[in-house]
Amino acid sequence: MEKVMRMIVSGALTVAILLQVTTAKTEHIVGDNFGWSIPINGASAYTMWADANTIKVGDTLVFKFVKGNHDVQEVSRSSFEECSTRNSIGEAIMTGPAKITIQTLGEHYYICTVGQHCLAGQKMAITVLAANSSNTQADSTPPPPSSSTSVFASILFSLSSIALTIFL
């Protein structure tokens, strides 16, 4: 009986570890091909980029820029709207590529503080979702398991079967 309990506890721990491993975090290249720069069509470029990407807690934003030409500063909503550093959150990141791992839900605002770059549209607002939320609110069915999840589940099932055969 003690062996069976150890197997159950070991199996539960293995499942928990595998689920954590299969919950991949996403790295988002801000602005995709145009990176973190003064956009040709103004701030709408970053609005469209943010709308097209689902950012979740634990994901990483990568701001690609050349040191000295740009920077990244997280600010409050009012500072974002005014292109001001008055209500900055943390320190400006001066060296690119800058990687910011998202830690909290809700609205996040980023600007470039170099010259008039923010006023020229180099600013971005994103909405961060919970790590386990689906991409759309209307989607009430869970997504199908990824191939890596299926492989891990298959391996886990096989190992559990072997272990039970050995210990029982």
Protein backbone atom coordinates (compact mmCIF):
# COMPACT_ATOMS: atom_id res chain seq x y z
CA MET A 1 0.00 0.00 0.00
CA GLU A 2 2.87 2.35 0.80
CA LYS A 3 4.34 1.78 -2.67
CA VAL A 4 1.03 2.61 -4.30
CA MET A 5 0.77 5.87 -2.35
CA ARG A 6 4.32 6.81 -3.37
CA MET A 7 3.41 6.10 -6.99
CA ILE A 8 0.29 8.25 -6.78
CA VAL A 9 2.21 11.15 -5.22
CA SER A 10 5.06 10.76 -7.74
CA GLY A 11 2.57 10.65 -10.60
CA ALA A 12 0.79 13.78 -9.39
CA LEU A 13 4.09 15.64 -9.07
CA THR A 14 5.13 14.51 -12.54
CA VAL A 15 1.85 15.73 -14.03
CA ALA A 16 2.22 19.11 -12.30
CA ILE A 17 5.78 19.50 -13.60
CA LEU A 18 4.83 18.50 -17.14
CA LEU A 19 1.90 20.92 -17.19
CA GLN A 20 4.19 23.74 -16.07
CA VAL A 21 6.71 22.87 -18.78
CA THR A 22 4.07 22.72 -21.51
CA THR A 23 2.63 26.14 -20.63
CA ALA A 24 4.97 28.01 -22.93
CA LYS A 25 5.44 31.72 -22.53
CA THR A 26 5.52 33.81 -25.70
CA GLU A 27 8.18 36.28 -26.75
CA HIS A 28 6.64 39.14 -28.75
CA ILE A 29 8.80 41.29 -31.03
CA VAL A 30 7.20 44.71 -30.61
CA GLY A 31 6.34 46.15 -33.99
CA ASP A 32 7.37 42.93 -35.74
CA ASN A 33 9.46 43.93 -38.79
CA PHE A 34 9.58 47.66 -38.08
CA GLY A 35 10.67 47.13 -34.47
CA TRP A 36 10.68 49.92 -31.88
CA SER A 37 11.09 53.04 -34.01
CA ILE A 38 9.21 56.12 -35.13
CA PRO A 39 6.41 54.61 -37.20
CA ILE A 40 5.67 56.06 -40.63
CA ASN A 41 1.90 56.06 -40.04
CA GLY A 42 2.06 57.35 -36.45
CA ALA A 43 0.88 55.67 -33.26
CA SER A 44 -1.72 53.61 -35.15
CA ALA A 45 1.08 51.23 -36.17
CA TYR A 46 1.59 50.18 -32.54
CA THR A 47 -2.15 50.18 -31.86
CA MET A 48 -2.64 47.74 -34.74
CA TRP A 49 0.30 45.63 -33.53
CA ALA A 50 -1.09 45.48 -29.98
CA ASP A 51 -4.56 44.59 -31.27
CA ALA A 52 -3.12 41.74 -33.36
CA ASN A 53 -1.17 40.20 -30.46
CA THR A 54 -2.47 38.53 -27.32
CA ILE A 55 -0.15 39.41 -24.44
CA LYS A 56 -0.39 37.33 -21.28
CA VAL A 57 1.24 37.46 -17.86
CA GLY A 58 4.63 35.78 -18.19
CA ASP A 59 5.10 36.75 -21.84
CA THR A 60 8.09 38.84 -22.86
CA LEU A 61 8.03 41.99 -24.97
CA VAL A 62 11.18 42.53 -27.05
CA PHE A 63 11.77 46.14 -28.09
CA LYS A 64 14.36 46.10 -30.89
CA PHE A 65 16.24 49.40 -31.21
CA VAL A 66 19.75 50.81 -31.43
CA LYS A 67 21.26 52.26 -28.25
CA GLY A 68 21.29 56.04 -28.38
CA ASN A 69 18.54 56.24 -31.02
CA HIS A 70 15.64 55.11 -28.82
CA ASP A 71 14.71 53.87 -25.37
CA VAL A 72 11.71 52.27 -23.65
CA GLN A 73 9.94 53.71 -20.63
CA GLU A 74 6.83 52.29 -18.99
CA VAL A 75 4.52 55.08 -17.86
CA SER A 76 1.03 55.67 -16.47
CA ARG A 77 -1.93 56.18 -18.79
CA SER A 78 -1.94 59.96 -18.29
CA SER A 79 1.78 60.17 -19.05
CA PHE A 80 1.24 57.97 -22.11
CA GLU A 81 -1.46 60.30 -23.41
CA GLU A 82 0.73 63.38 -22.77
CA CYS A 83 4.00 61.75 -23.90
CA SER A 84 5.44 62.63 -20.51
CA THR A 85 7.76 60.82 -18.12
CA ARG A 86 6.09 62.46 -15.12
CA ASN A 87 4.59 59.16 -13.90
CA SER A 88 7.28 56.74 -15.00
CA ILE A 89 7.22 53.15 -13.83
CA GLY A 90 10.75 51.97 -13.20
CA GLU A 91 13.77 53.19 -15.12
CA ALA A 92 14.00 53.77 -18.86
CA ILE A 93 15.76 50.97 -20.71
CA MET A 94 18.45 52.59 -22.82
CA THR A 95 19.99 49.56 -24.54
CA GLY A 96 18.26 47.44 -27.13
CA PRO A 97 17.02 44.95 -27.66
CA ALA A 98 15.15 45.53 -24.41
CA LYS A 99 13.28 42.54 -22.99
CA ILE A 100 10.44 43.13 -20.56
CA THR A 101 8.69 40.16 -18.98
CA ILE A 102 5.10 41.04 -18.16
CA GLN A 103 4.29 40.42 -14.49
CA THR A 104 0.83 41.96 -14.03
CA LEU A 105 -2.61 41.98 -15.64
CA GLY A 106 -4.26 45.01 -17.15
CA GLU A 107 -3.14 48.02 -19.12
CA HIS A 108 0.55 48.76 -19.71
CA TYR A 109 1.88 51.85 -21.48
CA TYR A 110 5.29 52.31 -23.13
CA ILE A 111 6.89 55.34 -24.74
CA CYS A 112 10.20 56.38 -26.24
CA THR A 113 11.58 59.35 -24.31
CA VAL A 114 14.19 60.38 -26.90
CA GLY A 115 13.44 63.78 -28.45
CA GLN A 116 9.93 64.05 -29.86
CA HIS A 117 9.66 60.35 -30.72
CA CYS A 118 6.62 59.73 -28.54
CA LEU A 119 4.76 62.68 -30.07
CA ALA A 120 5.63 61.24 -33.49
CA GLY A 121 3.87 57.98 -32.55
CA GLN A 122 6.54 55.86 -30.87
CA LYS A 123 4.30 54.74 -28.03
CA MET A 124 2.29 51.64 -27.33
CA ALA A 125 -0.57 50.60 -25.05
CA ILE A 126 -1.25 46.92 -24.40
CA THR A 127 -3.81 44.95 -22.43
CA VAL A 128 -2.34 41.99 -20.57
CA LEU A 129 -4.50 38.92 -19.95
CA ALA A 130 -4.14 36.14 -17.41
CA ALA A 131 -1.68 33.44 -18.42
CA ASN A 132 -4.44 30.84 -18.63
CA SER A 133 -7.02 32.95 -20.50
CA SER A 134 -8.13 32.16 -24.04
CA ASN A 135 -7.48 34.52 -26.92
CA THR A 136 -11.11 35.54 -27.32
CA GLN A 137 -13.79 36.12 -24.75
CA ALA A 138 -16.44 34.54 -27.00
CA ASP A 139 -14.47 31.29 -27.17
CA SER A 140 -15.89 29.13 -24.40
CA THR A 141 -14.32 25.84 -25.53
CA PRO A 142 -10.77 25.09 -24.47
CA PRO A 143 -8.20 24.94 -27.26
CA PRO A 144 -7.09 21.49 -28.38
CA PRO A 145 -3.98 20.22 -26.65
CA SER A 146 -0.74 21.07 -28.36
CA SER A 147 1.34 18.28 -29.84
CA SER A 148 3.91 18.68 -27.05
CA THR A 149 1.16 18.30 -24.44
CA SER A 150 -0.03 15.13 -26.15
CA VAL A 151 3.50 13.72 -26.28
CA PHE A 152 4.09 14.46 -22.59
CA ALA A 153 0.73 12.95 -21.64
CA SER A 154 1.52 9.85 -23.69
CA ILE A 155 4.94 9.47 -22.06
CA LEU A 156 3.45 10.01 -18.61
CA PHE A 157 0.74 7.41 -19.24
CA SER A 158 3.32 4.89 -20.46
CA LEU A 159 5.62 5.49 -17.49
CA SER A 160 2.70 5.21 -15.07
CA SER A 161 1.61 1.93 -16.64
CA ILE A 162 5.12 0.51 -16.41
CA ALA A 163 5.52 1.67 -12.81
CA LEU A 164 2.19 0.19 -11.76
CA THR A 165 3.11 -3.11 -13.42
CA ILE A 166 6.43 -3.21 -11.58
CA PHE A 167 5.11 -2.19 -8.17
CA LEU A 168 1.82 -4.13 -8.15
